[in-house]
């Protein structure tokens, strides 16, 4: 299991959900590409826990909006 960090690339508001550039979450994953595996559920859940926002509903649950780094 590896540790990943997802960081928002740019600020915005979509569907009433505000997100800021630099918002980041750390989360464990057994997948090499956690954003594209299993619908990105691990990344989505991590943002929900940390910030209380639904990045899927905001439309930013993609590599165009998030930088995913393996940190451990």
PDB file of N, CA and C in Angstrom:
ATOM      1  N   UNK A   1       0.847  -1.177   0.000  1.00  0.00           N
ATOM      2  CA  UNK A   1       0.000   0.000   0.000  1.00  0.00           C
ATOM      3  C   UNK A   1       0.889   1.235   0.000  1.00  0.00           C
ATOM      4  N   UNK A   2       0.562   2.183  -0.864  1.00  0.00           N
ATOM      5  CA  UNK A   2       1.350   3.405  -0.995  1.00  0.00           C
ATOM      6  C   UNK A   2       0.556   4.610  -0.497  1.00  0.00           C
ATOM      7  N   UNK A   3       1.278   5.665  -0.185  1.00  0.00           N
ATOM      8  CA  UNK A   3       0.655   6.904   0.251  1.00  0.00           C
ATOM      9  C   UNK A   3       0.716   7.903  -0.901  1.00  0.00           C
ATOM     10  N   UNK A   4      -0.423   8.540  -1.186  1.00  0.00           N
ATOM     11  CA  UNK A   4      -0.522   9.495  -2.277  1.00  0.00           C
ATOM     12  C   UNK A   4      -0.986  10.843  -1.750  1.00  0.00           C
ATOM     13  N   UNK A   5      -0.712  11.888  -2.524  1.00  0.00           N
ATOM     14  CA  UNK A   5      -1.213  13.236  -2.227  1.00  0.00           C
ATOM     15  C   UNK A   5      -1.924  13.755  -3.474  1.00  0.00           C
ATOM     16  N   UNK A   6      -3.148  14.250  -3.289  1.00  0.00           N
ATOM     17  CA  UNK A   6      -3.909  14.875  -4.374  1.00  0.00           C
ATOM     18  C   UNK A   6      -4.008  16.360  -4.066  1.00  0.00           C
ATOM     19  N   UNK A   7      -3.660  17.205  -5.041  1.00  0.00           N
ATOM     20  CA  UNK A   7      -3.652  18.654  -4.870  1.00  0.00           C
ATOM     21  C   UNK A   7      -4.459  19.304  -5.981  1.00  0.00           C
ATOM     22  N   UNK A   8      -5.322  20.239  -5.612  1.00  0.00           N
ATOM     23  CA  UNK A   8      -6.130  20.979  -6.587  1.00  0.00           C
ATOM     24  C   UNK A   8      -5.222  21.950  -7.346  1.00  0.00           C
ATOM     25  N   UNK A   9      -5.324  21.954  -8.680  1.00  0.00           N
ATOM     26  CA  UNK A   9      -4.454  22.768  -9.523  1.00  0.00           C
ATOM     27  C   UNK A   9      -4.894  24.224  -9.644  1.00  0.00           C
ATOM     28  N   UNK A  10      -6.217  24.493  -9.628  1.00  0.00           N
ATOM     29  CA  UNK A  10      -6.677  25.884  -9.758  1.00  0.00           C
ATOM     30  C   UNK A  10      -7.970  26.094  -8.983  1.00  0.00           C
ATOM     31  N   UNK A  11      -8.207  27.312  -8.563  1.00  0.00           N
ATOM     32  CA  UNK A  11      -9.386  27.673  -7.782  1.00  0.00           C
ATOM     33  C   UNK A  11     -10.618  27.796  -8.667  1.00  0.00           C
ATOM     34  N   UNK A  12     -11.789  27.629  -8.044  1.00  0.00           N
ATOM     35  CA  UNK A  12     -13.028  27.810  -8.786  1.00  0.00           C
ATOM     36  C   UNK A  12     -14.235  27.450  -7.947  1.00  0.00           C
ATOM     37  N   UNK A  13     -15.402  27.620  -8.541  1.00  0.00           N
ATOM     38  CA  UNK A  13     -16.664  27.216  -7.936  1.00  0.00           C
ATOM     39  C   UNK A  13     -17.496  26.535  -9.009  1.00  0.00           C
ATOM     40  N   UNK A  14     -17.939  25.328  -8.730  1.00  0.00           N
ATOM     41  CA  UNK A  14     -18.778  24.583  -9.652  1.00  0.00           C
ATOM     42  C   UNK A  14     -19.887  23.927  -8.862  1.00  0.00           C
ATOM     43  N   UNK A  15     -21.116  24.037  -9.357  1.00  0.00           N
ATOM     44  CA  UNK A  15     -22.285  23.459  -8.685  1.00  0.00           C
ATOM     45  C   UNK A  15     -22.363  23.897  -7.229  1.00  0.00           C
ATOM     46  N   UNK A  16     -21.967  25.118  -6.959  1.00  0.00           N
ATOM     47  CA  UNK A  16     -22.030  25.658  -5.607  1.00  0.00           C
ATOM     48  C   UNK A  16     -20.940  25.167  -4.674  1.00  0.00           C
ATOM     49  N   UNK A  17     -19.963  24.453  -5.201  1.00  0.00           N
ATOM     50  CA  UNK A  17     -18.865  23.912  -4.395  1.00  0.00           C
ATOM     51  C   UNK A  17     -17.602  24.715  -4.689  1.00  0.00           C
ATOM     52  N   UNK A  18     -17.062  25.348  -3.673  1.00  0.00           N
ATOM     53  CA  UNK A  18     -15.858  26.169  -3.804  1.00  0.00           C
ATOM     54  C   UNK A  18     -14.624  25.322  -3.522  1.00  0.00           C
ATOM     55  N   UNK A  19     -13.631  25.410  -4.388  1.00  0.00           N
ATOM     56  CA  UNK A  19     -12.356  24.724  -4.183  1.00  0.00           C
ATOM     57  C   UNK A  19     -11.245  25.713  -4.488  1.00  0.00           C
ATOM     58  N   UNK A  20     -10.161  25.601  -3.757  1.00  0.00           N
ATOM     59  CA  UNK A  20      -9.042  26.535  -3.863  1.00  0.00           C
ATOM     60  C   UNK A  20      -7.782  25.826  -4.341  1.00  0.00           C
ATOM     61  N   UNK A  21      -7.012  26.518  -5.157  1.00  0.00           N
ATOM     62  CA  UNK A  21      -5.720  26.001  -5.591  1.00  0.00           C
ATOM     63  C   UNK A  21      -4.884  25.687  -4.352  1.00  0.00           C
ATOM     64  N   UNK A  22      -4.256  24.512  -4.354  1.00  0.00           N
ATOM     65  CA  UNK A  22      -3.396  24.122  -3.243  1.00  0.00           C
ATOM     66  C   UNK A  22      -4.069  23.251  -2.207  1.00  0.00           C
ATOM     67  N   UNK A  23      -5.403  23.152  -2.230  1.00  0.00           N
ATOM     68  CA  UNK A  23      -6.069  22.225  -1.305  1.00  0.00           C
ATOM     69  C   UNK A  23      -5.516  20.832  -1.587  1.00  0.00           C
ATOM     70  N   UNK A  24      -5.084  20.140  -0.538  1.00  0.00           N
ATOM     71  CA  UNK A  24      -4.520  18.816  -0.776  1.00  0.00           C
ATOM     72  C   UNK A  24      -4.925  17.848   0.322  1.00  0.00           C
ATOM     73  N   UNK A  25      -4.905  16.581  -0.041  1.00  0.00           N
ATOM     74  CA  UNK A  25      -5.212  15.496   0.900  1.00  0.00           C
ATOM     75  C   UNK A  25      -4.201  14.385   0.689  1.00  0.00           C
ATOM     76  N   UNK A  26      -3.857  13.713   1.757  1.00  0.00           N
ATOM     77  CA  UNK A  26      -3.009  12.523   1.701  1.00  0.00           C
ATOM     78  C   UNK A  26      -3.893  11.319   1.978  1.00  0.00           C
ATOM     79  N   UNK A  27      -3.677  10.244   1.240  1.00  0.00           N
ATOM     80  CA  UNK A  27      -4.509   9.050   1.411  1.00  0.00           C
ATOM     81  C   UNK A  27      -3.729   7.811   0.973  1.00  0.00           C
ATOM     82  N   UNK A  28      -4.020   6.675   1.594  1.00  0.00           N
ATOM     83  CA  UNK A  28      -3.374   5.424   1.185  1.00  0.00           C
ATOM     84  C   UNK A  28      -4.153   4.787   0.036  1.00  0.00           C
ATOM     85  N   UNK A  29      -3.452   4.052  -0.801  1.00  0.00           N
ATOM     86  CA  UNK A  29      -4.107   3.339  -1.895  1.00  0.00           C
ATOM     87  C   UNK A  29      -3.285   2.125  -2.278  1.00  0.00           C
ATOM     88  N   UNK A  30      -3.968   1.085  -2.662  1.00  0.00           N
ATOM     89  CA  UNK A  30      -3.295  -0.113  -3.162  1.00  0.00           C
ATOM     90  C   UNK A  30      -3.178  -0.054  -4.680  1.00  0.00           C
ATOM     91  N   UNK A  31      -3.752   0.979  -5.299  1.00  0.00           N
ATOM     92  CA  UNK A  31      -3.751   1.128  -6.749  1.00  0.00           C
ATOM     93  C   UNK A  31      -2.652   2.096  -7.182  1.00  0.00           C
ATOM     94  N   UNK A  32      -2.047   1.837  -8.310  1.00  0.00           N
ATOM     95  CA  UNK A  32      -1.005   2.709  -8.831  1.00  0.00           C
ATOM     96  C   UNK A  32      -1.548   4.018  -9.377  1.00  0.00           C
ATOM     97  N   UNK A  33      -2.788   4.009  -9.842  1.00  0.00           N
ATOM     98  CA  UNK A  33      -3.452   5.200 -10.387  1.00  0.00           C
ATOM     99  C   UNK A  33      -4.780   5.387  -9.639  1.00  0.00           C
ATOM    100  N   UNK A  34      -4.751   5.915  -8.421  1.00  0.00           N
ATOM    101  CA  UNK A  34      -5.973   5.964  -7.607  1.00  0.00           C
ATOM    102  C   UNK A  34      -7.085   6.834  -8.169  1.00  0.00           C
ATOM    103  N   UNK A  35      -6.771   7.786  -9.015  1.00  0.00           N
ATOM    104  CA  UNK A  35      -7.803   8.656  -9.570  1.00  0.00           C
ATOM    105  C   UNK A  35      -8.590   7.958 -10.678  1.00  0.00           C
ATOM    106  N   UNK A  36      -7.932   7.091 -11.423  1.00  0.00           N
ATOM    107  CA  UNK A  36      -8.606   6.415 -12.529  1.00  0.00           C
ATOM    108  C   UNK A  36      -9.062   4.999 -12.183  1.00  0.00           C
ATOM    109  N   UNK A  37      -8.748   4.521 -10.993  1.00  0.00           N
ATOM    110  CA  UNK A  37      -9.149   3.191 -10.573  1.00  0.00           C
ATOM    111  C   UNK A  37     -10.342   3.283  -9.636  1.00  0.00           C
ATOM    112  N   UNK A  38     -11.324   2.425  -9.858  1.00  0.00           N
ATOM    113  CA  UNK A  38     -12.499   2.352  -8.997  1.00  0.00           C
ATOM    114  C   UNK A  38     -13.248   3.689  -8.936  1.00  0.00           C
ATOM    115  N   UNK A  39     -13.251   4.416 -10.017  1.00  0.00           N
ATOM    116  CA  UNK A  39     -13.964   5.689 -10.086  1.00  0.00           C
ATOM    117  C   UNK A  39     -13.372   6.785  -9.225  1.00  0.00           C
ATOM    118  N   UNK A  40     -12.140   6.608  -8.769  1.00  0.00           N
ATOM    119  CA  UNK A  40     -11.487   7.621  -7.941  1.00  0.00           C
ATOM    120  C   UNK A  40     -12.068   7.729  -6.542  1.00  0.00           C
ATOM    121  N   UNK A  41     -12.738   6.679  -6.088  1.00  0.00           N
ATOM    122  CA  UNK A  41     -13.437   6.721  -4.791  1.00  0.00           C
ATOM    123  C   UNK A  41     -12.524   7.068  -3.614  1.00  0.00           C
ATOM    124  N   UNK A  42     -11.289   6.616  -3.643  1.00  0.00           N
ATOM    125  CA  UNK A  42     -10.368   6.923  -2.539  1.00  0.00           C
ATOM    126  C   UNK A  42     -10.054   8.414  -2.469  1.00  0.00           C
ATOM    127  N   UNK A  43      -9.861   9.030  -3.627  1.00  0.00           N
ATOM    128  CA  UNK A  43      -9.560  10.460  -3.691  1.00  0.00           C
ATOM    129  C   UNK A  43     -10.797  11.263  -3.278  1.00  0.00           C
ATOM    130  N   UNK A  44     -11.947  10.895  -3.811  1.00  0.00           N
ATOM    131  CA  UNK A  44     -13.204  11.576  -3.498  1.00  0.00           C
ATOM    132  C   UNK A  44     -13.485  11.514  -2.000  1.00  0.00           C
ATOM    133  N   UNK A  45     -13.308  10.331  -1.415  1.00  0.00           N
ATOM    134  CA  UNK A  45     -13.554  10.154   0.025  1.00  0.00           C
ATOM    135  C   UNK A  45     -12.573  10.972   0.865  1.00  0.00           C
ATOM    136  N   UNK A  46     -11.328  11.078   0.422  1.00  0.00           N
ATOM    137  CA  UNK A  46     -10.324  11.847   1.170  1.00  0.00           C
ATOM    138  C   UNK A  46     -10.687  13.331   1.207  1.00  0.00           C
ATOM    139  N   UNK A  47     -11.149  13.890   0.092  1.00  0.00           N
ATOM    140  CA  UNK A  47     -11.575  15.304   0.070  1.00  0.00           C
ATOM    141  C   UNK A  47     -12.829  15.509   0.914  1.00  0.00           C
ATOM    142  N   UNK A  48     -13.719  14.533   0.900  1.00  0.00           N
ATOM    143  CA  UNK A  48     -14.921  14.622   1.730  1.00  0.00           C
ATOM    144  C   UNK A  48     -14.558  14.651   3.213  1.00  0.00           C
ATOM    145  N   UNK A  49     -13.630  13.796   3.616  1.00  0.00           N
ATOM    146  CA  UNK A  49     -13.199  13.757   5.024  1.00  0.00           C
ATOM    147  C   UNK A  49     -12.494  15.039   5.438  1.00  0.00           C
ATOM    148  N   UNK A  50     -11.597  15.515   4.594  1.00  0.00           N
ATOM    149  CA  UNK A  50     -10.759  16.663   4.960  1.00  0.00           C
ATOM    150  C   UNK A  50     -11.481  18.000   4.850  1.00  0.00           C
ATOM    151  N   UNK A  51     -12.269  18.185   3.799  1.00  0.00           N
ATOM    152  CA  UNK A  51     -12.855  19.499   3.523  1.00  0.00           C
ATOM    153  C   UNK A  51     -14.384  19.513   3.485  1.00  0.00           C
ATOM    154  N   UNK A  52     -14.989  18.331   3.484  1.00  0.00           N
ATOM    155  CA  UNK A  52     -16.440  18.265   3.401  1.00  0.00           C
ATOM    156  C   UNK A  52     -16.987  18.642   2.034  1.00  0.00           C
ATOM    157  N   UNK A  53     -16.176  18.472   0.988  1.00  0.00           N
ATOM    158  CA  UNK A  53     -16.644  18.787  -0.365  1.00  0.00           C
ATOM    159  C   UNK A  53     -16.658  17.531  -1.231  1.00  0.00           C
ATOM    160  N   UNK A  54     -17.580  17.504  -2.171  1.00  0.00           N
ATOM    161  CA  UNK A  54     -17.707  16.390  -3.104  1.00  0.00           C
ATOM    162  C   UNK A  54     -17.055  16.810  -4.424  1.00  0.00           C
ATOM    163  N   UNK A  55     -15.813  16.366  -4.636  1.00  0.00           N
ATOM    164  CA  UNK A  55     -15.092  16.786  -5.838  1.00  0.00           C
ATOM    165  C   UNK A  55     -15.684  16.168  -7.097  1.00  0.00           C
ATOM    166  N   UNK A  56     -16.390  15.067  -6.965  1.00  0.00           N
ATOM    167  CA  UNK A  56     -17.045  14.478  -8.134  1.00  0.00           C
ATOM    168  C   UNK A  56     -18.185  15.377  -8.583  1.00  0.00           C
ATOM    169  N   UNK A  57     -19.010  15.828  -7.636  1.00  0.00           N
ATOM    170  CA  UNK A  57     -20.115  16.732  -7.957  1.00  0.00           C
ATOM    171  C   UNK A  57     -19.601  18.075  -8.494  1.00  0.00           C
ATOM    172  N   UNK A  58     -18.439  18.490  -7.987  1.00  0.00           N
ATOM    173  CA  UNK A  58     -17.829  19.733  -8.457  1.00  0.00           C
ATOM    174  C   UNK A  58     -17.195  19.569  -9.837  1.00  0.00           C
ATOM    175  N   UNK A  59     -17.043  18.337 -10.288  1.00  0.00           N
ATOM    176  CA  UNK A  59     -16.484  18.082 -11.611  1.00  0.00           C
ATOM    177  C   UNK A  59     -14.978  18.196 -11.691  1.00  0.00           C
ATOM    178  N   UNK A  60     -14.300  18.060 -10.539  1.00  0.00           N
ATOM    179  CA  UNK A  60     -12.831  18.182 -10.570  1.00  0.00           C
ATOM    180  C   UNK A  60     -12.122  16.880 -10.221  1.00  0.00           C
ATOM    181  N   UNK A  61     -12.840  15.772 -10.276  1.00  0.00           N
ATOM    182  CA  UNK A  61     -12.232  14.478  -9.966  1.00  0.00           C
ATOM    183  C   UNK A  61     -11.550  13.915 -11.211  1.00  0.00           C
ATOM    184  N   UNK A  62     -10.581  14.665 -11.733  1.00  0.00           N
ATOM    185  CA  UNK A  62      -9.845  14.224 -12.917  1.00  0.00           C
ATOM    186  C   UNK A  62      -8.422  14.780 -12.869  1.00  0.00           C
ATOM    187  N   UNK A  63      -7.571  14.212 -13.689  1.00  0.00           N
ATOM    188  CA  UNK A  63      -6.178  14.654 -13.711  1.00  0.00           C
ATOM    189  C   UNK A  63      -6.034  16.058 -14.304  1.00  0.00           C
ATOM    190  N   UNK A  64      -7.058  16.563 -14.979  1.00  0.00           N
ATOM    191  CA  UNK A  64      -7.024  17.930 -15.493  1.00  0.00           C
ATOM    192  C   UNK A  64      -7.093  18.940 -14.352  1.00  0.00           C
ATOM    193  N   UNK A  65      -7.693  18.543 -13.227  1.00  0.00           N
ATOM    194  CA  UNK A  65      -7.894  19.453 -12.101  1.00  0.00           C
ATOM    195  C   UNK A  65      -7.086  19.090 -10.857  1.00  0.00           C
ATOM    196  N   UNK A  66      -6.614  17.837 -10.795  1.00  0.00           N
ATOM    197  CA  UNK A  66      -5.892  17.369  -9.621  1.00  0.00           C
ATOM    198  C   UNK A  66      -4.518  16.843 -10.001  1.00  0.00           C
ATOM    199  N   UNK A  67      -3.543  17.171  -9.188  1.00  0.00           N
ATOM    200  CA  UNK A  67      -2.205  16.594  -9.341  1.00  0.00           C
ATOM    201  C   UNK A  67      -2.094  15.461  -8.320  1.00  0.00           C
ATOM    202  N   UNK A  68      -1.813  14.256  -8.788  1.00  0.00           N
ATOM    203  CA  UNK A  68      -1.677  13.094  -7.915  1.00  0.00           C
ATOM    204  C   UNK A  68      -0.204  12.728  -7.853  1.00  0.00           C
ATOM    205  N   UNK A  69       0.347  12.679  -6.627  1.00  0.00           N
ATOM    206  CA  UNK A  69       1.755  12.344  -6.422  1.00  0.00           C
ATOM    207  C   UNK A  69       1.854  11.178  -5.450  1.00  0.00           C
ATOM    208  N   UNK A  70       2.770  10.278  -5.730  1.00  0.00           N
ATOM    209  CA  UNK A  70       3.074   9.201  -4.788  1.00  0.00           C
ATOM    210  C   UNK A  70       4.100   9.745  -3.812  1.00  0.00           C
ATOM    211  N   UNK A  71       3.781   9.731  -2.503  1.00  0.00           N
ATOM    212  CA  UNK A  71       4.695  10.315  -1.522  1.00  0.00           C
ATOM    213  C   UNK A  71       5.275   9.280  -0.571  1.00  0.00           C
ATOM    214  N   UNK A  72       4.824   8.078  -0.644  1.00  0.00           N
ATOM    215  CA  UNK A  72       5.375   7.074   0.269  1.00  0.00           C
ATOM    216  C   UNK A  72       5.066   5.681  -0.144  1.00  0.00           C
TER     217      UNK A  72
END
